[in-house]
Amino acid sequence: MDTMTLNKLDGTTEEVEIMMTFKLERFNDNDYVIYKSLDKFYAARYVENNGITNLETNLSEDEKEDLSKVFNKLREGGII
């Protein structure tokens, strides 16, 4: 199980399980991650700079729609 530690804006940290990472060609091959925290699933775009990874959760409606499709395929056990 791969994990990542989230450093939250309120100063706390949380370890979450990485479910999968992938690129979406439709969005300039941006990198995305689906992760799990307390039995809830989340998705975000991520950018790595100088060894630090930042998650971007302010996504467009089109990105959210595509991420939902990827998540549903993952949940169904289908080929993505």
C-alpha atoms as a PDB file:
ATOM      1  CA  MET A   1       0.000   0.000   0.000  1.00  0.00           C
ATOM      2  CA  ASP A   2       1.409   3.373  -1.046  1.00  0.00           C
ATOM      3  CA  THR A   3       0.652   6.311   1.182  1.00  0.00           C
ATOM      4  CA  MET A   4       1.201  10.042   1.229  1.00  0.00           C
ATOM      5  CA  THR A   5       1.122  12.540   4.031  1.00  0.00           C
ATOM      6  CA  LEU A   6      -1.110  15.549   3.549  1.00  0.00           C
ATOM      7  CA  ASN A   7      -0.034  18.790   5.224  1.00  0.00           C
ATOM      8  CA  LYS A   8      -3.304  20.613   5.757  1.00  0.00           C
ATOM      9  CA  LEU A   9      -3.836  24.354   5.856  1.00  0.00           C
ATOM     10  CA  ASP A  10      -4.748  24.172   9.552  1.00  0.00           C
ATOM     11  CA  GLY A  11      -1.272  22.776  10.339  1.00  0.00           C
ATOM     12  CA  THR A  12      -2.334  19.172  10.904  1.00  0.00           C
ATOM     13  CA  THR A  13      -1.129  16.193   8.900  1.00  0.00           C
ATOM     14  CA  GLU A  14      -2.977  13.127   7.682  1.00  0.00           C
ATOM     15  CA  GLU A  15      -1.676   9.931   6.123  1.00  0.00           C
ATOM     16  CA  VAL A  16      -3.837   8.722   3.223  1.00  0.00           C
ATOM     17  CA  GLU A  17      -3.733   5.694   0.950  1.00  0.00           C
ATOM     18  CA  ILE A  18      -2.907   6.283  -2.717  1.00  0.00           C
ATOM     19  CA  MET A  19      -5.290   4.268  -4.876  1.00  0.00           C
ATOM     20  CA  MET A  20      -3.827   5.259  -8.237  1.00  0.00           C
ATOM     21  CA  THR A  21      -1.962   7.972 -10.112  1.00  0.00           C
ATOM     22  CA  PHE A  22      -2.465   8.730 -13.789  1.00  0.00           C
ATOM     23  CA  LYS A  23      -2.389  11.380 -16.495  1.00  0.00           C
ATOM     24  CA  LEU A  24      -5.343  12.751 -18.419  1.00  0.00           C
ATOM     25  CA  GLU A  25      -4.383  13.421 -22.014  1.00  0.00           C
ATOM     26  CA  ARG A  26      -7.405  15.668 -22.467  1.00  0.00           C
ATOM     27  CA  PHE A  27      -5.951  18.079 -19.907  1.00  0.00           C
ATOM     28  CA  ASN A  28      -2.399  18.489 -21.250  1.00  0.00           C
ATOM     29  CA  ASP A  29      -1.257  15.226 -19.626  1.00  0.00           C
ATOM     30  CA  ASN A  30      -1.687  16.719 -16.157  1.00  0.00           C
ATOM     31  CA  ASP A  31      -1.000  14.310 -13.288  1.00  0.00           C
ATOM     32  CA  TYR A  32      -3.865  13.170 -11.054  1.00  0.00           C
ATOM     33  CA  VAL A  33      -4.209  11.029  -7.951  1.00  0.00           C
ATOM     34  CA  ILE A  34      -7.138   9.173  -6.416  1.00  0.00           C
ATOM     35  CA  TYR A  35      -6.615   8.640  -2.698  1.00  0.00           C
ATOM     36  CA  LYS A  36      -8.556   7.282   0.255  1.00  0.00           C
ATOM     37  CA  SER A  37      -8.997   8.786   3.697  1.00  0.00           C
ATOM     38  CA  LEU A  38     -11.241   7.279   6.378  1.00  0.00           C
ATOM     39  CA  ASP A  39     -13.084   5.140   3.796  1.00  0.00           C
ATOM     40  CA  LYS A  40     -13.835   8.170   1.592  1.00  0.00           C
ATOM     41  CA  PHE A  41     -12.250   8.676  -1.810  1.00  0.00           C
ATOM     42  CA  TYR A  42     -10.831  11.922  -3.167  1.00  0.00           C
ATOM     43  CA  ALA A  43      -9.164  13.038  -6.375  1.00  0.00           C
ATOM     44  CA  ALA A  44      -6.795  15.878  -7.118  1.00  0.00           C
ATOM     45  CA  ARG A  45      -4.375  17.160  -9.707  1.00  0.00           C
ATOM     46  CA  TYR A  46      -0.810  17.202  -8.456  1.00  0.00           C
ATOM     47  CA  VAL A  47       2.310  19.143  -9.367  1.00  0.00           C
ATOM     48  CA  GLU A  48       5.817  18.288  -8.205  1.00  0.00           C
ATOM     49  CA  ASN A  49       8.321  21.126  -7.686  1.00  0.00           C
ATOM     50  CA  ASN A  50      11.767  20.654  -6.127  1.00  0.00           C
ATOM     51  CA  GLY A  51      10.761  17.434  -4.363  1.00  0.00           C
ATOM     52  CA  ILE A  52       7.531  18.881  -2.980  1.00  0.00           C
ATOM     53  CA  THR A  53       4.180  17.671  -4.291  1.00  0.00           C
ATOM     54  CA  ASN A  54       1.233  20.064  -4.178  1.00  0.00           C
ATOM     55  CA  LEU A  55      -2.355  18.901  -4.607  1.00  0.00           C
ATOM     56  CA  GLU A  56      -4.790  21.096  -6.506  1.00  0.00           C
ATOM     57  CA  THR A  57      -8.423  20.404  -5.658  1.00  0.00           C
ATOM     58  CA  ASN A  58      -9.934  23.426  -7.401  1.00  0.00           C
ATOM     59  CA  LEU A  59     -10.746  21.502 -10.592  1.00  0.00           C
ATOM     60  CA  SER A  60     -12.882  22.357 -13.593  1.00  0.00           C
ATOM     61  CA  GLU A  61     -16.231  20.652 -14.054  1.00  0.00           C
ATOM     62  CA  ASP A  62     -14.774  18.764 -17.045  1.00  0.00           C
ATOM     63  CA  GLU A  63     -11.893  17.477 -14.915  1.00  0.00           C
ATOM     64  CA  LYS A  64     -14.306  16.400 -12.180  1.00  0.00           C
ATOM     65  CA  GLU A  65     -16.431  14.561 -14.735  1.00  0.00           C
ATOM     66  CA  ASP A  66     -13.432  12.706 -16.173  1.00  0.00           C
ATOM     67  CA  LEU A  67     -12.126  11.862 -12.697  1.00  0.00           C
ATOM     68  CA  SER A  68     -15.538  10.419 -11.798  1.00  0.00           C
ATOM     69  CA  LYS A  69     -15.373   8.201 -14.869  1.00  0.00           C
ATOM     70  CA  VAL A  70     -11.906   6.971 -13.927  1.00  0.00           C
ATOM     71  CA  PHE A  71     -13.004   6.339 -10.333  1.00  0.00           C
ATOM     72  CA  ASN A  72     -16.100   4.405 -11.432  1.00  0.00           C
ATOM     73  CA  LYS A  73     -13.961   2.196 -13.687  1.00  0.00           C
ATOM     74  CA  LEU A  74     -11.552   1.595 -10.807  1.00  0.00           C
ATOM     75  CA  ARG A  75     -14.412   0.732  -8.455  1.00  0.00           C
ATOM     76  CA  GLU A  76     -15.958  -1.652 -11.002  1.00  0.00           C
ATOM     77  CA  GLY A  77     -12.617  -3.353 -11.577  1.00  0.00           C
ATOM     78  CA  GLY A  78     -12.636  -2.409 -15.251  1.00  0.00           C
ATOM     79  CA  ILE A  79      -9.776  -1.534 -17.522  1.00  0.00           C
ATOM     80  CA  ILE A  80      -8.907   2.141 -17.460  1.00  0.00           C
END
